[in-house]
Amino acid sequence: TLTLLNMWHTDVADWESIIELLAEPAMAAPELTGTLSVLSGMPDRVPSHISTRIAPLLRKWMTRTPAQDPFEPQDVRGLAADALNALHPGALTNIDLWSLMAGTREQRASAVLVIARRRNPTDINLLAAFAQDEDVKVRSTVASCLAGWVKEQVNPRDALELLQSLLQDSGTRLARSVSGTLANSQPEVLQQCESLVEVLKNHISADVRRDLAATLR
């Protein structure tokens, strides 16, 4: 909440508290996830001098082996990597990316986000590889990123073809990630993926149908 307030009320922002939060090595994962997610979602609203101070703290969380707790997940490595990449595009090396790709499902999902943020059309093959991941969280992240590529016209033809293949999944999670991403797309984008829109309009999930109805208004 404080991170959000800092972003929108810059004249009274208290970034020191956020830096203290990220600098505390004993901080529990649930106390970090919200801040890391907000940093990833709106990196442009973080002042450059604050972003510079935050970067090494994020890298420490990204590379720290999580505590083993059977009752509470403690792994924020993927979230930290995504936040670092959002704030400083290109900050992650190939070795960093390889480590994410070989990690937990959260790390693999973050690797997808890192790859998708590069907006390199030739990365479609990497996203296709992740589309075969056994974990639905990773596959739904791929689906959302592909929908984002279609929306932003990054290799839209291949992205749409791969996305339609992914949506053969009988569940609802992938479709929900796609319909949410496509919300408020330009009419020409929706026209380009008309066949996909038709599938989502008649989807089993009421949330997906609502998203499409709102988008098509």
C-alpha atoms as a PDB file:
ATOM      1  CA  THR A   1       0.000   0.000   0.000  1.00  0.00           C
ATOM      2  CA  LEU A   2       2.801   2.403   0.849  1.00  0.00           C
ATOM      3  CA  THR A   3       4.543   1.633  -2.436  1.00  0.00           C
ATOM      4  CA  LEU A   4       1.368   2.535  -4.317  1.00  0.00           C
ATOM      5  CA  LEU A   5       0.948   5.731  -2.331  1.00  0.00           C
ATOM      6  CA  ASN A   6       4.550   6.698  -3.050  1.00  0.00           C
ATOM      7  CA  MET A   7       3.962   6.203  -6.763  1.00  0.00           C
ATOM      8  CA  TRP A   8       0.879   8.378  -6.923  1.00  0.00           C
ATOM      9  CA  HIS A   9       1.712  11.020  -4.295  1.00  0.00           C
ATOM     10  CA  THR A  10       5.308  11.855  -5.058  1.00  0.00           C
ATOM     11  CA  ASP A  11       5.326  15.081  -3.047  1.00  0.00           C
ATOM     12  CA  VAL A  12       4.889  13.176   0.242  1.00  0.00           C
ATOM     13  CA  ALA A  13       6.481   9.865  -0.773  1.00  0.00           C
ATOM     14  CA  ASP A  14       8.311   7.820   1.862  1.00  0.00           C
ATOM     15  CA  TRP A  15      10.634   5.559  -0.142  1.00  0.00           C
ATOM     16  CA  GLU A  16      13.032   5.070   2.771  1.00  0.00           C
ATOM     17  CA  SER A  17      10.574   2.698   4.423  1.00  0.00           C
ATOM     18  CA  ILE A  18      10.388   0.629   1.235  1.00  0.00           C
ATOM     19  CA  ILE A  19      14.171   0.487   1.008  1.00  0.00           C
ATOM     20  CA  GLU A  20      14.353  -0.604   4.652  1.00  0.00           C
ATOM     21  CA  LEU A  21      11.796  -3.323   3.921  1.00  0.00           C
ATOM     22  CA  LEU A  22      13.818  -4.671   0.984  1.00  0.00           C
ATOM     23  CA  ALA A  23      17.111  -4.364   2.862  1.00  0.00           C
ATOM     24  CA  GLU A  24      15.981  -6.480   5.821  1.00  0.00           C
ATOM     25  CA  PRO A  25      17.341 -10.008   5.176  1.00  0.00           C
ATOM     26  CA  ALA A  26      15.020 -11.609   7.733  1.00  0.00           C
ATOM     27  CA  MET A  27      11.858 -10.236   6.109  1.00  0.00           C
ATOM     28  CA  ALA A  28       9.249 -12.947   5.502  1.00  0.00           C
ATOM     29  CA  ALA A  29       8.113 -13.537   1.935  1.00  0.00           C
ATOM     30  CA  PRO A  30       4.463 -12.522   2.518  1.00  0.00           C
ATOM     31  CA  GLU A  31       5.702  -9.096   3.615  1.00  0.00           C
ATOM     32  CA  LEU A  32       7.564  -8.632   0.317  1.00  0.00           C
ATOM     33  CA  THR A  33       5.289 -10.016  -2.368  1.00  0.00           C
ATOM     34  CA  GLY A  34       2.955  -7.023  -2.564  1.00  0.00           C
ATOM     35  CA  THR A  35       5.760  -4.502  -2.921  1.00  0.00           C
ATOM     36  CA  LEU A  36       7.608  -6.617  -5.497  1.00  0.00           C
ATOM     37  CA  SER A  37       4.445  -7.028  -7.568  1.00  0.00           C
ATOM     38  CA  VAL A  38       3.696  -3.298  -7.517  1.00  0.00           C
ATOM     39  CA  LEU A  39       7.268  -2.456  -8.537  1.00  0.00           C
ATOM     40  CA  SER A  40       6.947  -4.868 -11.462  1.00  0.00           C
ATOM     41  CA  GLY A  41       3.591  -3.501 -12.526  1.00  0.00           C
ATOM     42  CA  MET A  42       4.390   0.215 -12.552  1.00  0.00           C
ATOM     43  CA  PRO A  43       8.162   0.653 -12.852  1.00  0.00           C
ATOM     44  CA  ASP A  44       7.801   3.991 -14.639  1.00  0.00           C
ATOM     45  CA  ARG A  45       6.408   5.539 -11.474  1.00  0.00           C
ATOM     46  CA  VAL A  46       9.524   4.807  -9.431  1.00  0.00           C
ATOM     47  CA  PRO A  47      11.982   7.762  -9.371  1.00  0.00           C
ATOM     48  CA  SER A  48      15.274   6.901 -11.044  1.00  0.00           C
ATOM     49  CA  HIS A  49      17.364   7.643  -7.930  1.00  0.00           C
ATOM     50  CA  ILE A  50      15.163   5.272  -5.905  1.00  0.00           C
ATOM     51  CA  SER A  51      15.244   2.631  -8.620  1.00  0.00           C
ATOM     52  CA  THR A  52      19.032   2.731  -8.555  1.00  0.00           C
ATOM     53  CA  ARG A  53      19.100   2.123  -4.798  1.00  0.00           C
ATOM     54  CA  ILE A  54      16.527  -0.655  -5.007  1.00  0.00           C
ATOM     55  CA  ALA A  55      18.283  -2.605  -7.772  1.00  0.00           C
ATOM     56  CA  PRO A  56      21.021  -4.289  -5.661  1.00  0.00           C
ATOM     57  CA  LEU A  57      18.448  -5.180  -2.992  1.00  0.00           C
ATOM     58  CA  LEU A  58      16.265  -6.895  -5.587  1.00  0.00           C
ATOM     59  CA  ARG A  59      19.257  -8.799  -6.917  1.00  0.00           C
ATOM     60  CA  LYS A  60      19.979 -10.115  -3.408  1.00  0.00           C
ATOM     61  CA  TRP A  61      16.406 -11.409  -3.077  1.00  0.00           C
ATOM     62  CA  MET A  62      16.578 -12.831  -6.591  1.00  0.00           C
ATOM     63  CA  THR A  63      19.616 -14.950  -5.748  1.00  0.00           C
ATOM     64  CA  ARG A  64      18.875 -15.823  -2.108  1.00  0.00           C
ATOM     65  CA  THR A  65      18.043 -19.456  -1.352  1.00  0.00           C
ATOM     66  CA  PRO A  66      14.627 -19.341   0.349  1.00  0.00           C
ATOM     67  CA  ALA A  67      13.998 -20.636   3.843  1.00  0.00           C
ATOM     68  CA  GLN A  68      12.256 -23.994   3.968  1.00  0.00           C
ATOM     69  CA  ASP A  69       8.845 -23.613   5.603  1.00  0.00           C
ATOM     70  CA  PRO A  70       6.197 -26.350   5.117  1.00  0.00           C
ATOM     71  CA  PHE A  71       3.388 -24.009   6.132  1.00  0.00           C
ATOM     72  CA  GLU A  72       4.262 -20.787   4.329  1.00  0.00           C
ATOM     73  CA  PRO A  73       5.953 -20.306   0.936  1.00  0.00           C
ATOM     74  CA  GLN A  74       9.150 -18.284   1.230  1.00  0.00           C
ATOM     75  CA  ASP A  75      10.387 -18.123  -2.363  1.00  0.00           C
ATOM     76  CA  VAL A  76      10.330 -14.599  -3.818  1.00  0.00           C
ATOM     77  CA  ARG A  77      13.245 -15.095  -6.239  1.00  0.00           C
ATOM     78  CA  GLY A  78      11.013 -14.955  -9.296  1.00  0.00           C
ATOM     79  CA  LEU A  79       9.135 -11.856  -8.136  1.00  0.00           C
ATOM     80  CA  ALA A  80      12.394 -10.085  -7.325  1.00  0.00           C
ATOM     81  CA  ALA A  81      13.811 -10.960 -10.752  1.00  0.00           C
ATOM     82  CA  ASP A  82      10.707  -9.637 -12.494  1.00  0.00           C
ATOM     83  CA  ALA A  83      10.818  -6.402 -10.472  1.00  0.00           C
ATOM     84  CA  LEU A  84      14.515  -5.910 -11.237  1.00  0.00           C
ATOM     85  CA  ASN A  85      13.956  -6.532 -14.943  1.00  0.00           C
ATOM     86  CA  ALA A  86      10.976  -4.162 -15.027  1.00  0.00           C
ATOM     87  CA  LEU A  87      12.877  -1.352 -13.309  1.00  0.00           C
ATOM     88  CA  HIS A  88      16.125  -1.933 -15.209  1.00  0.00           C
ATOM     89  CA  PRO A  89      15.546  -3.645 -18.560  1.00  0.00           C
ATOM     90  CA  GLY A  90      18.617  -5.614 -19.496  1.00  0.00           C
ATOM     91  CA  ALA A  91      19.827  -5.915 -15.883  1.00  0.00           C
ATOM     92  CA  LEU A  92      19.382  -9.687 -15.963  1.00  0.00           C
ATOM     93  CA  THR A  93      22.225 -11.552 -17.628  1.00  0.00           C
ATOM     94  CA  ASN A  94      21.837 -14.732 -19.671  1.00  0.00           C
ATOM     95  CA  ILE A  95      23.092 -16.655 -16.632  1.00  0.00           C
ATOM     96  CA  ASP A  96      20.352 -15.044 -14.513  1.00  0.00           C
ATOM     97  CA  LEU A  97      17.754 -16.034 -17.094  1.00  0.00           C
ATOM     98  CA  TRP A  98      19.062 -19.597 -17.341  1.00  0.00           C
ATOM     99  CA  SER A  99      18.840 -19.901 -13.568  1.00  0.00           C
ATOM    100  CA  LEU A 100      15.202 -18.788 -13.641  1.00  0.00           C
ATOM    101  CA  MET A 101      14.383 -21.175 -16.476  1.00  0.00           C
ATOM    102  CA  ALA A 102      15.747 -24.112 -14.459  1.00  0.00           C
ATOM    103  CA  GLY A 103      14.081 -23.080 -11.187  1.00  0.00           C
ATOM    104  CA  THR A 104      10.752 -23.381  -9.408  1.00  0.00           C
ATOM    105  CA  ARG A 105       7.445 -22.671 -11.100  1.00  0.00           C
ATOM    106  CA  GLU A 106       7.543 -19.100  -9.778  1.00  0.00           C
ATOM    107  CA  GLN A 107      11.009 -18.635 -11.234  1.00  0.00           C
ATOM    108  CA  ARG A 108       9.985 -20.145 -14.567  1.00  0.00           C
ATOM    109  CA  ALA A 109       6.937 -17.877 -14.721  1.00  0.00           C
ATOM    110  CA  SER A 110       9.197 -14.902 -14.064  1.00  0.00           C
ATOM    111  CA  ALA A 111      11.529 -16.068 -16.837  1.00  0.00           C
ATOM    112  CA  VAL A 112       8.530 -15.910 -19.184  1.00  0.00           C
ATOM    113  CA  LEU A 113       7.838 -12.322 -18.104  1.00  0.00           C
ATOM    114  CA  VAL A 114      11.493 -11.344 -18.580  1.00  0.00           C
ATOM    115  CA  ILE A 115      11.500 -12.826 -22.090  1.00  0.00           C
ATOM    116  CA  ALA A 116       8.169 -11.270 -23.043  1.00  0.00           C
ATOM    117  CA  ARG A 117       9.211  -7.808 -21.832  1.00  0.00           C
ATOM    118  CA  ARG A 118      12.094  -7.842 -24.327  1.00  0.00           C
ATOM    119  CA  ARG A 119       9.486  -7.712 -27.122  1.00  0.00           C
ATOM    120  CA  ASN A 120      11.859  -9.538 -29.434  1.00  0.00           C
ATOM    121  CA  PRO A 121       9.799 -11.327 -32.127  1.00  0.00           C
ATOM    122  CA  THR A 122      12.388 -14.118 -32.363  1.00  0.00           C
ATOM    123  CA  ASP A 123      11.751 -15.033 -28.712  1.00  0.00           C
ATOM    124  CA  ILE A 124       8.490 -16.689 -29.794  1.00  0.00           C
ATOM    125  CA  ASN A 125      10.310 -20.043 -29.787  1.00  0.00           C
ATOM    126  CA  LEU A 126      11.290 -19.596 -26.138  1.00  0.00           C
ATOM    127  CA  LEU A 127       7.671 -18.812 -25.257  1.00  0.00           C
ATOM    128  CA  ALA A 128       6.584 -21.877 -27.238  1.00  0.00           C
ATOM    129  CA  ALA A 129       8.922 -24.008 -25.125  1.00  0.00           C
ATOM    130  CA  PHE A 130       7.441 -22.600 -21.913  1.00  0.00           C
ATOM    131  CA  ALA A 131       3.944 -23.234 -23.308  1.00  0.00           C
ATOM    132  CA  GLN A 132       4.689 -26.948 -22.816  1.00  0.00           C
ATOM    133  CA  ASP A 133       5.492 -26.510 -19.108  1.00  0.00           C
ATOM    134  CA  GLU A 134       3.707 -28.984 -16.860  1.00  0.00           C
ATOM    135  CA  ASP A 135       2.658 -26.246 -14.415  1.00  0.00           C
ATOM    136  CA  VAL A 136      -0.489 -24.277 -15.188  1.00  0.00           C
ATOM    137  CA  LYS A 137       0.899 -21.112 -13.550  1.00  0.00           C
ATOM    138  CA  VAL A 138       3.725 -21.059 -16.077  1.00  0.00           C
ATOM    139  CA  ARG A 139       1.403 -21.801 -19.003  1.00  0.00           C
ATOM    140  CA  SER A 140      -1.063 -19.110 -17.935  1.00  0.00           C
ATOM    141  CA  THR A 141       1.800 -16.604 -17.714  1.00  0.00           C
ATOM    142  CA  VAL A 142       2.778 -17.552 -21.265  1.00  0.00           C
ATOM    143  CA  ALA A 143      -0.838 -17.107 -22.389  1.00  0.00           C
ATOM    144  CA  SER A 144      -1.062 -13.654 -20.806  1.00  0.00           C
ATOM    145  CA  CYS A 145       2.242 -12.584 -22.367  1.00  0.00           C
ATOM    146  CA  LEU A 146       1.202 -13.848 -25.793  1.00  0.00           C
ATOM    147  CA  ALA A 147      -2.054 -11.907 -25.513  1.00  0.00           C
ATOM    148  CA  GLY A 148       0.051  -8.878 -24.617  1.00  0.00           C
ATOM    149  CA  TRP A 149       2.169  -9.410 -27.716  1.00  0.00           C
ATOM    150  CA  VAL A 150      -0.950  -9.595 -29.887  1.00  0.00           C
ATOM    151  CA  LYS A 151      -2.269  -6.433 -28.245  1.00  0.00           C
ATOM    152  CA  GLU A 152       1.045  -4.600 -28.761  1.00  0.00           C
ATOM    153  CA  GLN A 153       1.611  -6.076 -32.236  1.00  0.00           C
ATOM    154  CA  VAL A 154       4.817  -7.931 -31.393  1.00  0.00           C
ATOM    155  CA  ASN A 155       4.958 -10.848 -33.843  1.00  0.00           C
ATOM    156  CA  PRO A 156       1.153 -10.955 -33.607  1.00  0.00           C
ATOM    157  CA  ARG A 157       0.655 -13.688 -36.203  1.00  0.00           C
ATOM    158  CA  ASP A 158       2.830 -16.302 -34.476  1.00  0.00           C
ATOM    159  CA  ALA A 159       1.765 -15.149 -31.015  1.00  0.00           C
ATOM    160  CA  LEU A 160      -1.895 -15.605 -31.933  1.00  0.00           C
ATOM    161  CA  GLU A 161      -1.289 -19.038 -33.428  1.00  0.00           C
ATOM    162  CA  LEU A 162       0.568 -20.214 -30.321  1.00  0.00           C
ATOM    163  CA  LEU A 163      -2.074 -18.661 -28.083  1.00  0.00           C
ATOM    164  CA  GLN A 164      -4.889 -20.505 -29.841  1.00  0.00           C
ATOM    165  CA  SER A 165      -2.974 -23.745 -29.374  1.00  0.00           C
ATOM    166  CA  LEU A 166      -2.572 -23.039 -25.654  1.00  0.00           C
ATOM    167  CA  LEU A 167      -6.288 -22.389 -25.235  1.00  0.00           C
ATOM    168  CA  GLN A 168      -7.083 -25.976 -26.176  1.00  0.00           C
ATOM    169  CA  ASP A 169      -6.602 -26.498 -22.429  1.00  0.00           C
ATOM    170  CA  SER A 170      -9.939 -27.491 -20.903  1.00  0.00           C
ATOM    171  CA  GLY A 171      -9.509 -25.375 -17.776  1.00  0.00           C
ATOM    172  CA  THR A 172     -10.344 -21.724 -17.127  1.00  0.00           C
ATOM    173  CA  ARG A 173      -7.094 -20.242 -15.792  1.00  0.00           C
ATOM    174  CA  LEU A 174      -5.402 -19.723 -19.156  1.00  0.00           C
ATOM    175  CA  ALA A 175      -8.498 -18.199 -20.731  1.00  0.00           C
ATOM    176  CA  ARG A 176      -8.910 -15.803 -17.806  1.00  0.00           C
ATOM    177  CA  SER A 177      -5.330 -14.599 -18.172  1.00  0.00           C
ATOM    178  CA  VAL A 178      -5.951 -13.951 -21.872  1.00  0.00           C
ATOM    179  CA  SER A 179      -9.315 -12.197 -21.568  1.00  0.00           C
ATOM    180  CA  GLY A 180      -7.964  -9.906 -18.857  1.00  0.00           C
ATOM    181  CA  THR A 181      -4.965  -8.939 -20.976  1.00  0.00           C
ATOM    182  CA  LEU A 182      -7.036  -8.313 -24.098  1.00  0.00           C
ATOM    183  CA  ALA A 183      -9.373  -5.967 -22.217  1.00  0.00           C
ATOM    184  CA  ASN A 184      -9.518  -2.485 -23.742  1.00  0.00           C
ATOM    185  CA  SER A 185      -7.668  -3.562 -26.890  1.00  0.00           C
ATOM    186  CA  GLN A 186      -8.027  -1.460 -30.012  1.00  0.00           C
ATOM    187  CA  PRO A 187     -10.818  -2.584 -32.400  1.00  0.00           C
ATOM    188  CA  GLU A 188      -8.301  -3.518 -35.082  1.00  0.00           C
ATOM    189  CA  VAL A 189      -6.520  -5.848 -32.647  1.00  0.00           C
ATOM    190  CA  LEU A 190      -9.775  -7.587 -31.750  1.00  0.00           C
ATOM    191  CA  GLN A 191     -10.586  -7.896 -35.417  1.00  0.00           C
ATOM    192  CA  GLN A 192      -7.185  -9.461 -36.054  1.00  0.00           C
ATOM    193  CA  CYS A 193      -7.867 -12.157 -33.462  1.00  0.00           C
ATOM    194  CA  GLU A 194     -11.559 -12.561 -34.278  1.00  0.00           C
ATOM    195  CA  SER A 195     -11.463 -16.373 -34.070  1.00  0.00           C
ATOM    196  CA  LEU A 196      -9.919 -16.187 -30.588  1.00  0.00           C
ATOM    197  CA  VAL A 197     -12.495 -13.627 -29.482  1.00  0.00           C
ATOM    198  CA  GLU A 198     -15.301 -15.943 -30.605  1.00  0.00           C
ATOM    199  CA  VAL A 199     -13.876 -18.776 -28.514  1.00  0.00           C
ATOM    200  CA  LEU A 200     -13.629 -16.547 -25.444  1.00  0.00           C
ATOM    201  CA  LYS A 201     -17.125 -15.102 -25.938  1.00  0.00           C
ATOM    202  CA  ASN A 202     -18.538 -18.610 -25.537  1.00  0.00           C
ATOM    203  CA  HIS A 203     -16.139 -19.821 -22.872  1.00  0.00           C
ATOM    204  CA  ILE A 204     -17.304 -21.896 -19.914  1.00  0.00           C
ATOM    205  CA  SER A 205     -15.973 -19.247 -17.507  1.00  0.00           C
ATOM    206  CA  ALA A 206     -18.412 -16.441 -16.707  1.00  0.00           C
ATOM    207  CA  ASP A 207     -15.456 -14.174 -15.841  1.00  0.00           C
ATOM    208  CA  VAL A 208     -13.986 -14.681 -19.318  1.00  0.00           C
ATOM    209  CA  ARG A 209     -17.333 -13.935 -20.967  1.00  0.00           C
ATOM    210  CA  ARG A 210     -17.717 -10.793 -18.853  1.00  0.00           C
ATOM    211  CA  ASP A 211     -14.230  -9.592 -19.813  1.00  0.00           C
ATOM    212  CA  LEU A 212     -15.007 -10.028 -23.495  1.00  0.00           C
ATOM    213  CA  ALA A 213     -18.421  -8.381 -23.198  1.00  0.00           C
ATOM    214  CA  ALA A 214     -16.811  -5.333 -21.546  1.00  0.00           C
ATOM    215  CA  THR A 215     -14.042  -5.272 -24.152  1.00  0.00           C
ATOM    216  CA  LEU A 216     -16.440  -5.430 -27.089  1.00  0.00           C
ATOM    217  CA  ARG A 217     -18.706  -2.619 -25.859  1.00  0.00           C
END
